[in-house]
Amino acid sequence: MDSMNKSLSDTEVEIAHQTTPPNFLTARKKRRRDEDSERIGKKTSELANLKEKMKNMFLSLMNSQNLEFQKNASILKEIQKTN
């Protein structure tokens, strides 16, 4: 019966007060320089160029595949007619 009345919490309450609170300091954000802005702008344009090249490459690949599929479809129709 005594065990039901006991608390499950830590009996040494003083331990919680021995630790120091954390420092809530953060690094300040620095202002960007003009060189940084130019470099970021250059990288953005390079990325846009790369995206455009990749898009064109995929479009040409898809076009060539569509032509190949059409050719194969016509060949399959001819084979079906002969069988």
PDB file of N, CA and C in Angstrom:
ATOM      1  N   MET A   1       0.803  -1.183   0.000  1.00  0.00           N
ATOM      2  CA  MET A   1       0.000   0.000   0.000  1.00  0.00           C
ATOM      3  C   MET A   1       0.851   1.254   0.000  1.00  0.00           C
ATOM      4  N   ASP A   2       2.033   1.196   0.660  1.00  0.00           N
ATOM      5  CA  ASP A   2       2.913   2.358   0.697  1.00  0.00           C
ATOM      6  C   ASP A   2       3.456   2.705  -0.677  1.00  0.00           C
ATOM      7  N   SER A   3       3.710   1.713  -1.499  1.00  0.00           N
ATOM      8  CA  SER A   3       4.283   1.965  -2.824  1.00  0.00           C
ATOM      9  C   SER A   3       3.323   2.726  -3.724  1.00  0.00           C
ATOM     10  N   MET A   4       2.054   2.626  -3.487  1.00  0.00           N
ATOM     11  CA  MET A   4       1.084   3.352  -4.308  1.00  0.00           C
ATOM     12  C   MET A   4       1.076   4.843  -3.992  1.00  0.00           C
ATOM     13  N   ASN A   5       1.478   5.226  -2.814  1.00  0.00           N
ATOM     14  CA  ASN A   5       1.484   6.625  -2.412  1.00  0.00           C
ATOM     15  C   ASN A   5       2.771   7.336  -2.791  1.00  0.00           C
ATOM     16  N   LYS A   6       3.781   6.585  -3.199  1.00  0.00           N
ATOM     17  CA  LYS A   6       5.076   7.190  -3.522  1.00  0.00           C
ATOM     18  C   LYS A   6       5.062   7.777  -4.926  1.00  0.00           C
ATOM     19  N   SER A   7       5.796   8.834  -5.089  1.00  0.00           N
ATOM     20  CA  SER A   7       5.907   9.490  -6.387  1.00  0.00           C
ATOM     21  C   SER A   7       6.998   8.819  -7.210  1.00  0.00           C
ATOM     22  N   LEU A   8       6.841   8.798  -8.530  1.00  0.00           N
ATOM     23  CA  LEU A   8       7.853   8.214  -9.413  1.00  0.00           C
ATOM     24  C   LEU A   8       8.898   9.235  -9.838  1.00  0.00           C
ATOM     25  N   SER A   9       8.802  10.470  -9.366  1.00  0.00           N
ATOM     26  CA  SER A   9       9.744  11.506  -9.780  1.00  0.00           C
ATOM     27  C   SER A   9      11.063  11.367  -9.037  1.00  0.00           C
ATOM     28  N   ASP A  10      12.066  12.116  -9.484  1.00  0.00           N
ATOM     29  CA  ASP A  10      13.392  12.084  -8.877  1.00  0.00           C
ATOM     30  C   ASP A  10      13.328  12.703  -7.480  1.00  0.00           C
ATOM     31  N   THR A  11      13.944  12.046  -6.518  1.00  0.00           N
ATOM     32  CA  THR A  11      13.883  12.556  -5.148  1.00  0.00           C
ATOM     33  C   THR A  11      14.875  13.678  -4.908  1.00  0.00           C
ATOM     34  N   GLU A  12      15.925  13.763  -5.707  1.00  0.00           N
ATOM     35  CA  GLU A  12      16.921  14.815  -5.528  1.00  0.00           C
ATOM     36  C   GLU A  12      16.562  16.000  -6.415  1.00  0.00           C
ATOM     37  N   VAL A  13      15.813  16.904  -5.886  1.00  0.00           N
ATOM     38  CA  VAL A  13      15.336  18.057  -6.636  1.00  0.00           C
ATOM     39  C   VAL A  13      16.473  19.031  -6.926  1.00  0.00           C
ATOM     40  N   GLU A  14      17.495  19.047  -6.110  1.00  0.00           N
ATOM     41  CA  GLU A  14      18.606  19.987  -6.258  1.00  0.00           C
ATOM     42  C   GLU A  14      19.425  19.725  -7.526  1.00  0.00           C
ATOM     43  N   ILE A  15      19.396  18.527  -8.073  1.00  0.00           N
ATOM     44  CA  ILE A  15      20.178  18.191  -9.269  1.00  0.00           C
ATOM     45  C   ILE A  15      19.747  19.052 -10.450  1.00  0.00           C
ATOM     46  N   ALA A  16      18.484  19.325 -10.552  1.00  0.00           N
ATOM     47  CA  ALA A  16      17.976  20.117 -11.672  1.00  0.00           C
ATOM     48  C   ALA A  16      18.522  21.536 -11.654  1.00  0.00           C
ATOM     49  N   HIS A  17      18.835  22.073 -10.482  1.00  0.00           N
ATOM     50  CA  HIS A  17      19.325  23.448 -10.374  1.00  0.00           C
ATOM     51  C   HIS A  17      20.835  23.543 -10.533  1.00  0.00           C
ATOM     52  N   GLN A  18      21.539  22.432 -10.601  1.00  0.00           N
ATOM     53  CA  GLN A  18      22.992  22.452 -10.717  1.00  0.00           C
ATOM     54  C   GLN A  18      23.454  22.686 -12.150  1.00  0.00           C
ATOM     55  N   THR A  19      22.637  22.392 -13.114  1.00  0.00           N
ATOM     56  CA  THR A  19      23.039  22.593 -14.506  1.00  0.00           C
ATOM     57  C   THR A  19      22.816  24.041 -14.902  1.00  0.00           C
ATOM     58  N   THR A  20      23.659  24.531 -15.773  1.00  0.00           N
ATOM     59  CA  THR A  20      23.528  25.923 -16.219  1.00  0.00           C
ATOM     60  C   THR A  20      22.563  25.986 -17.392  1.00  0.00           C
ATOM     61  N   PRO A  21      21.827  27.053 -17.507  1.00  0.00           N
ATOM     62  CA  PRO A  21      20.903  27.178 -18.641  1.00  0.00           C
ATOM     63  C   PRO A  21      21.686  27.393 -19.936  1.00  0.00           C
ATOM     64  N   PRO A  22      21.132  26.992 -21.062  1.00  0.00           N
ATOM     65  CA  PRO A  22      21.849  27.150 -22.341  1.00  0.00           C
ATOM     66  C   PRO A  22      21.926  28.613 -22.758  1.00  0.00           C
ATOM     67  N   ASN A  23      22.959  28.928 -23.509  1.00  0.00           N
ATOM     68  CA  ASN A  23      23.096  30.266 -24.088  1.00  0.00           C
ATOM     69  C   ASN A  23      22.272  30.324 -25.359  1.00  0.00           C
ATOM     70  N   PHE A  24      21.424  31.285 -25.464  1.00  0.00           N
ATOM     71  CA  PHE A  24      20.586  31.417 -26.641  1.00  0.00           C
ATOM     72  C   PHE A  24      21.129  32.498 -27.573  1.00  0.00           C
ATOM     73  N   LEU A  25      22.397  32.423 -27.882  1.00  0.00           N
ATOM     74  CA  LEU A  25      23.024  33.381 -28.786  1.00  0.00           C
ATOM     75  C   LEU A  25      23.003  32.822 -30.197  1.00  0.00           C
ATOM     76  N   THR A  26      22.731  33.659 -31.140  1.00  0.00           N
ATOM     77  CA  THR A  26      22.751  33.236 -32.538  1.00  0.00           C
ATOM     78  C   THR A  26      23.696  34.133 -33.315  1.00  0.00           C
ATOM     79  N   ALA A  27      24.187  33.611 -34.407  1.00  0.00           N
ATOM     80  CA  ALA A  27      25.070  34.404 -35.262  1.00  0.00           C
ATOM     81  C   ALA A  27      24.242  35.421 -36.026  1.00  0.00           C
ATOM     82  N   ARG A  28      24.784  36.600 -36.156  1.00  0.00           N
ATOM     83  CA  ARG A  28      24.042  37.635 -36.877  1.00  0.00           C
ATOM     84  C   ARG A  28      24.189  37.414 -38.373  1.00  0.00           C
ATOM     85  N   LYS A  29      23.191  37.829 -39.098  1.00  0.00           N
ATOM     86  CA  LYS A  29      23.235  37.698 -40.548  1.00  0.00           C
ATOM     87  C   LYS A  29      23.998  38.879 -41.124  1.00  0.00           C
ATOM     88  N   LYS A  30      24.929  38.563 -41.992  1.00  0.00           N
ATOM     89  CA  LYS A  30      25.747  39.615 -42.586  1.00  0.00           C
ATOM     90  C   LYS A  30      25.135  40.095 -43.889  1.00  0.00           C
ATOM     91  N   ARG A  31      25.416  41.328 -44.191  1.00  0.00           N
ATOM     92  CA  ARG A  31      24.937  41.929 -45.432  1.00  0.00           C
ATOM     93  C   ARG A  31      25.766  41.383 -46.588  1.00  0.00           C
ATOM     94  N   ARG A  32      25.102  41.066 -47.686  1.00  0.00           N
ATOM     95  CA  ARG A  32      25.821  40.554 -48.854  1.00  0.00           C
ATOM     96  C   ARG A  32      26.584  41.670 -49.539  1.00  0.00           C
ATOM     97  N   ARG A  33      27.705  41.303 -50.053  1.00  0.00           N
ATOM     98  CA  ARG A  33      28.504  42.260 -50.818  1.00  0.00           C
ATOM     99  C   ARG A  33      28.103  42.196 -52.277  1.00  0.00           C
ATOM    100  N   ASP A  34      28.520  43.194 -53.036  1.00  0.00           N
ATOM    101  CA  ASP A  34      28.179  43.242 -54.455  1.00  0.00           C
ATOM    102  C   ASP A  34      28.772  42.061 -55.211  1.00  0.00           C
ATOM    103  N   GLU A  35      30.000  41.651 -54.832  1.00  0.00           N
ATOM    104  CA  GLU A  35      30.627  40.516 -55.521  1.00  0.00           C
ATOM    105  C   GLU A  35      29.809  39.250 -55.310  1.00  0.00           C
ATOM    106  N   ASP A  36      29.289  39.079 -54.107  1.00  0.00           N
ATOM    107  CA  ASP A  36      28.466  37.902 -53.830  1.00  0.00           C
ATOM    108  C   ASP A  36      27.216  37.906 -54.690  1.00  0.00           C
ATOM    109  N   SER A  37      26.584  39.059 -54.818  1.00  0.00           N
ATOM    110  CA  SER A  37      25.368  39.160 -55.629  1.00  0.00           C
ATOM    111  C   SER A  37      25.666  38.851 -57.089  1.00  0.00           C
ATOM    112  N   GLU A  38      26.793  39.362 -57.591  1.00  0.00           N
ATOM    113  CA  GLU A  38      27.169  39.096 -58.986  1.00  0.00           C
ATOM    114  C   GLU A  38      27.449  37.614 -59.189  1.00  0.00           C
ATOM    115  N   ARG A  39      28.149  37.009 -58.228  1.00  0.00           N
ATOM    116  CA  ARG A  39      28.487  35.587 -58.345  1.00  0.00           C
ATOM    117  C   ARG A  39      27.217  34.736 -58.316  1.00  0.00           C
ATOM    118  N   ILE A  40      26.292  35.089 -57.447  1.00  0.00           N
ATOM    119  CA  ILE A  40      25.035  34.345 -57.370  1.00  0.00           C
ATOM    120  C   ILE A  40      24.240  34.525 -58.652  1.00  0.00           C
ATOM    121  N   GLY A  41      24.227  35.746 -59.191  1.00  0.00           N
ATOM    122  CA  GLY A  41      23.529  35.995 -60.452  1.00  0.00           C
ATOM    123  C   GLY A  41      24.130  35.198 -61.592  1.00  0.00           C
ATOM    124  N   LYS A  42      25.465  35.098 -61.611  1.00  0.00           N
ATOM    125  CA  LYS A  42      26.146  34.325 -62.653  1.00  0.00           C
ATOM    126  C   LYS A  42      25.792  32.843 -62.535  1.00  0.00           C
ATOM    127  N   LYS A  43      25.787  32.329 -61.310  1.00  0.00           N
ATOM    128  CA  LYS A  43      25.449  30.918 -61.108  1.00  0.00           C
ATOM    129  C   LYS A  43      24.002  30.645 -61.497  1.00  0.00           C
ATOM    130  N   THR A  44      23.125  31.606 -61.223  1.00  0.00           N
ATOM    131  CA  THR A  44      21.722  31.438 -61.583  1.00  0.00           C
ATOM    132  C   THR A  44      21.559  31.364 -63.089  1.00  0.00           C
ATOM    133  N   SER A  45      22.283  32.217 -63.824  1.00  0.00           N
ATOM    134  CA  SER A  45      22.179  32.184 -65.283  1.00  0.00           C
ATOM    135  C   SER A  45      22.800  30.906 -65.842  1.00  0.00           C
ATOM    136  N   GLU A  46      23.887  30.439 -65.235  1.00  0.00           N
ATOM    137  CA  GLU A  46      24.489  29.176 -65.669  1.00  0.00           C
ATOM    138  C   GLU A  46      23.521  28.015 -65.438  1.00  0.00           C
ATOM    139  N   LEU A  47      22.827  28.045 -64.312  1.00  0.00           N
ATOM    140  CA  LEU A  47      21.850  27.001 -64.020  1.00  0.00           C
ATOM    141  C   LEU A  47      20.698  27.043 -65.018  1.00  0.00           C
ATOM    142  N   ALA A  48      20.250  28.241 -65.359  1.00  0.00           N
ATOM    143  CA  ALA A  48      19.167  28.376 -66.341  1.00  0.00           C
ATOM    144  C   ALA A  48      19.611  27.838 -67.696  1.00  0.00           C
ATOM    145  N   ASN A  49      20.868  28.113 -68.091  1.00  0.00           N
ATOM    146  CA  ASN A  49      21.392  27.589 -69.356  1.00  0.00           C
ATOM    147  C   ASN A  49      21.451  26.063 -69.328  1.00  0.00           C
ATOM    148  N   LEU A  50      21.905  25.515 -68.220  1.00  0.00           N
ATOM    149  CA  LEU A  50      21.982  24.058 -68.093  1.00  0.00           C
ATOM    150  C   LEU A  50      20.591  23.433 -68.179  1.00  0.00           C
ATOM    151  N   LYS A  51      19.624  24.050 -67.511  1.00  0.00           N
ATOM    152  CA  LYS A  51      18.250  23.539 -67.568  1.00  0.00           C
ATOM    153  C   LYS A  51      17.727  23.549 -68.995  1.00  0.00           C
ATOM    154  N   GLU A  52      17.993  24.618 -69.719  1.00  0.00           N
ATOM    155  CA  GLU A  52      17.521  24.725 -71.104  1.00  0.00           C
ATOM    156  C   GLU A  52      18.176  23.663 -71.984  1.00  0.00           C
ATOM    157  N   LYS A  53      19.479  23.442 -71.802  1.00  0.00           N
ATOM    158  CA  LYS A  53      20.182  22.415 -72.580  1.00  0.00           C
ATOM    159  C   LYS A  53      19.615  21.027 -72.285  1.00  0.00           C
ATOM    160  N   MET A  54      19.375  20.750 -71.007  1.00  0.00           N
ATOM    161  CA  MET A  54      18.834  19.439 -70.639  1.00  0.00           C
ATOM    162  C   MET A  54      17.425  19.263 -71.201  1.00  0.00           C
ATOM    163  N   LYS A  55      16.639  20.317 -71.148  1.00  0.00           N
ATOM    164  CA  LYS A  55      15.278  20.257 -71.682  1.00  0.00           C
ATOM    165  C   LYS A  55      15.303  19.958 -73.176  1.00  0.00           C
ATOM    166  N   ASN A  56      16.182  20.635 -73.908  1.00  0.00           N
ATOM    167  CA  ASN A  56      16.306  20.397 -75.351  1.00  0.00           C
ATOM    168  C   ASN A  56      16.784  18.977 -75.636  1.00  0.00           C
ATOM    169  N   MET A  57      17.714  18.501 -74.821  1.00  0.00           N
ATOM    170  CA  MET A  57      18.232  17.151 -75.015  1.00  0.00           C
ATOM    171  C   MET A  57      17.119  16.115 -74.822  1.00  0.00           C
ATOM    172  N   PHE A  58      16.324  16.280 -73.770  1.00  0.00           N
ATOM    173  CA  PHE A  58      15.232  15.340 -73.525  1.00  0.00           C
ATOM    174  C   PHE A  58      14.164  15.421 -74.609  1.00  0.00           C
ATOM    175  N   LEU A  59      13.878  16.623 -75.085  1.00  0.00           N
ATOM    176  CA  LEU A  59      12.891  16.766 -76.155  1.00  0.00           C
ATOM    177  C   LEU A  59      13.351  16.064 -77.428  1.00  0.00           C
ATOM    178  N   SER A  60      14.625  16.223 -77.776  1.00  0.00           N
ATOM    179  CA  SER A  60      15.127  15.558 -78.983  1.00  0.00           C
ATOM    180  C   SER A  60      15.125  14.039 -78.807  1.00  0.00           C
ATOM    181  N   LEU A  61      15.442  13.575 -77.614  1.00  0.00           N
ATOM    182  CA  LEU A  61      15.401  12.141 -77.340  1.00  0.00           C
ATOM    183  C   LEU A  61      13.975  11.607 -77.458  1.00  0.00           C
ATOM    184  N   MET A  62      13.023  12.342 -76.912  1.00  0.00           N
ATOM    185  CA  MET A  62      11.624  11.907 -76.991  1.00  0.00           C
ATOM    186  C   MET A  62      11.127  11.911 -78.432  1.00  0.00           C
ATOM    187  N   ASN A  63      11.524  12.899 -79.210  1.00  0.00           N
ATOM    188  CA  ASN A  63      11.112  12.947 -80.616  1.00  0.00           C
ATOM    189  C   ASN A  63      11.660  11.756 -81.390  1.00  0.00           C
ATOM    190  N   SER A  64      12.928  11.434 -81.165  1.00  0.00           N
ATOM    191  CA  SER A  64      13.509  10.292 -81.873  1.00  0.00           C
ATOM    192  C   SER A  64      12.851   8.985 -81.432  1.00  0.00           C
ATOM    193  N   GLN A  65      12.501   8.880 -80.154  1.00  0.00           N
ATOM    194  CA  GLN A  65      11.812   7.674 -79.685  1.00  0.00           C
ATOM    195  C   GLN A  65      10.420   7.564 -80.296  1.00  0.00           C
ATOM    196  N   ASN A  66       9.713   8.686 -80.411  1.00  0.00           N
ATOM    197  CA  ASN A  66       8.384   8.659 -81.026  1.00  0.00           C
ATOM    198  C   ASN A  66       8.461   8.199 -82.474  1.00  0.00           C
ATOM    199  N   LEU A  67       9.463   8.666 -83.206  1.00  0.00           N
ATOM    200  CA  LEU A  67       9.640   8.222 -84.591  1.00  0.00           C
ATOM    201  C   LEU A  67       9.909   6.721 -84.645  1.00  0.00           C
ATOM    202  N   GLU A  68      10.734   6.253 -83.735  1.00  0.00           N
ATOM    203  CA  GLU A  68      11.058   4.825 -83.683  1.00  0.00           C
ATOM    204  C   GLU A  68       9.813   3.998 -83.341  1.00  0.00           C
ATOM    205  N   PHE A  69       9.009   4.470 -82.415  1.00  0.00           N
ATOM    206  CA  PHE A  69       7.773   3.762 -82.055  1.00  0.00           C
ATOM    207  C   PHE A  69       6.802   3.710 -83.227  1.00  0.00           C
ATOM    208  N   GLN A  70       6.676   4.807 -83.948  1.00  0.00           N
ATOM    209  CA  GLN A  70       5.781   4.832 -85.107  1.00  0.00           C
ATOM    210  C   GLN A  70       6.245   3.842 -86.169  1.00  0.00           C
ATOM    211  N   LYS A  71       7.556   3.806 -86.385  1.00  0.00           N
ATOM    212  CA  LYS A  71       8.107   2.873 -87.367  1.00  0.00           C
ATOM    213  C   LYS A  71       7.846   1.432 -86.933  1.00  0.00           C
ATOM    214  N   ASN A  72       8.062   1.146 -85.660  1.00  0.00           N
ATOM    215  CA  ASN A  72       7.828  -0.209 -85.153  1.00  0.00           C
ATOM    216  C   ASN A  72       6.351  -0.580 -85.221  1.00  0.00           C
ATOM    217  N   ALA A  73       5.477   0.374 -84.962  1.00  0.00           N
ATOM    218  CA  ALA A  73       4.039   0.098 -85.021  1.00  0.00           C
ATOM    219  C   ALA A  73       3.622  -0.265 -86.436  1.00  0.00           C
ATOM    220  N   SER A  74       4.146   0.441 -87.429  1.00  0.00           N
ATOM    221  CA  SER A  74       3.785   0.121 -88.812  1.00  0.00           C
ATOM    222  C   SER A  74       4.333  -1.247 -89.216  1.00  0.00           C
ATOM    223  N   ILE A  75       5.519  -1.588 -88.760  1.00  0.00           N
ATOM    224  CA  ILE A  75       6.096  -2.903 -89.052  1.00  0.00           C
ATOM    225  C   ILE A  75       5.257  -4.003 -88.400  1.00  0.00           C
ATOM    226  N   LEU A  76       4.815  -3.776 -87.166  1.00  0.00           N
ATOM    227  CA  LEU A  76       3.976  -4.768 -86.486  1.00  0.00           C
ATOM    228  C   LEU A  76       2.645  -4.962 -87.203  1.00  0.00           C
ATOM    229  N   LYS A  77       2.066  -3.893 -87.723  1.00  0.00           N
ATOM    230  CA  LYS A  77       0.810  -4.012 -88.472  1.00  0.00           C
ATOM    231  C   LYS A  77       1.010  -4.844 -89.731  1.00  0.00           C
ATOM    232  N   GLU A  78       2.132  -4.650 -90.411  1.00  0.00           N
ATOM    233  CA  GLU A  78       2.435  -5.438 -91.612  1.00  0.00           C
ATOM    234  C   GLU A  78       2.591  -6.913 -91.256  1.00  0.00           C
ATOM    235  N   ILE A  79       3.256  -7.180 -90.140  1.00  0.00           N
ATOM    236  CA  ILE A  79       3.446  -8.566 -89.706  1.00  0.00           C
ATOM    237  C   ILE A  79       2.101  -9.204 -89.371  1.00  0.00           C
ATOM    238  N   GLN A  80       1.216  -8.448 -88.709  1.00  0.00           N
ATOM    239  CA  GLN A  80      -0.105  -8.980 -88.369  1.00  0.00           C
ATOM    240  C   GLN A  80      -0.917  -9.282 -89.618  1.00  0.00           C
ATOM    241  N   LYS A  81      -0.781  -8.465 -90.652  1.00  0.00           N
ATOM    242  CA  LYS A  81      -1.517  -8.698 -91.897  1.00  0.00           C
ATOM    243  C   LYS A  81      -1.043  -9.972 -92.581  1.00  0.00           C
ATOM    244  N   THR A  82       0.252 -10.231 -92.530  1.00  0.00           N
ATOM    245  CA  THR A  82       0.782 -11.420 -93.197  1.00  0.00           C
ATOM    246  C   THR A  82       0.436 -12.692 -92.439  1.00  0.00           C
ATOM    247  N   ASN A  83       0.239 -12.604 -91.151  1.00  0.00           N
ATOM    248  CA  ASN A  83      -0.105 -13.802 -90.356  1.00  0.00           C
ATOM    249  C   ASN A  83      -1.560 -13.967 -90.407  1.00  0.00           C
TER     250      ASN A  83
END
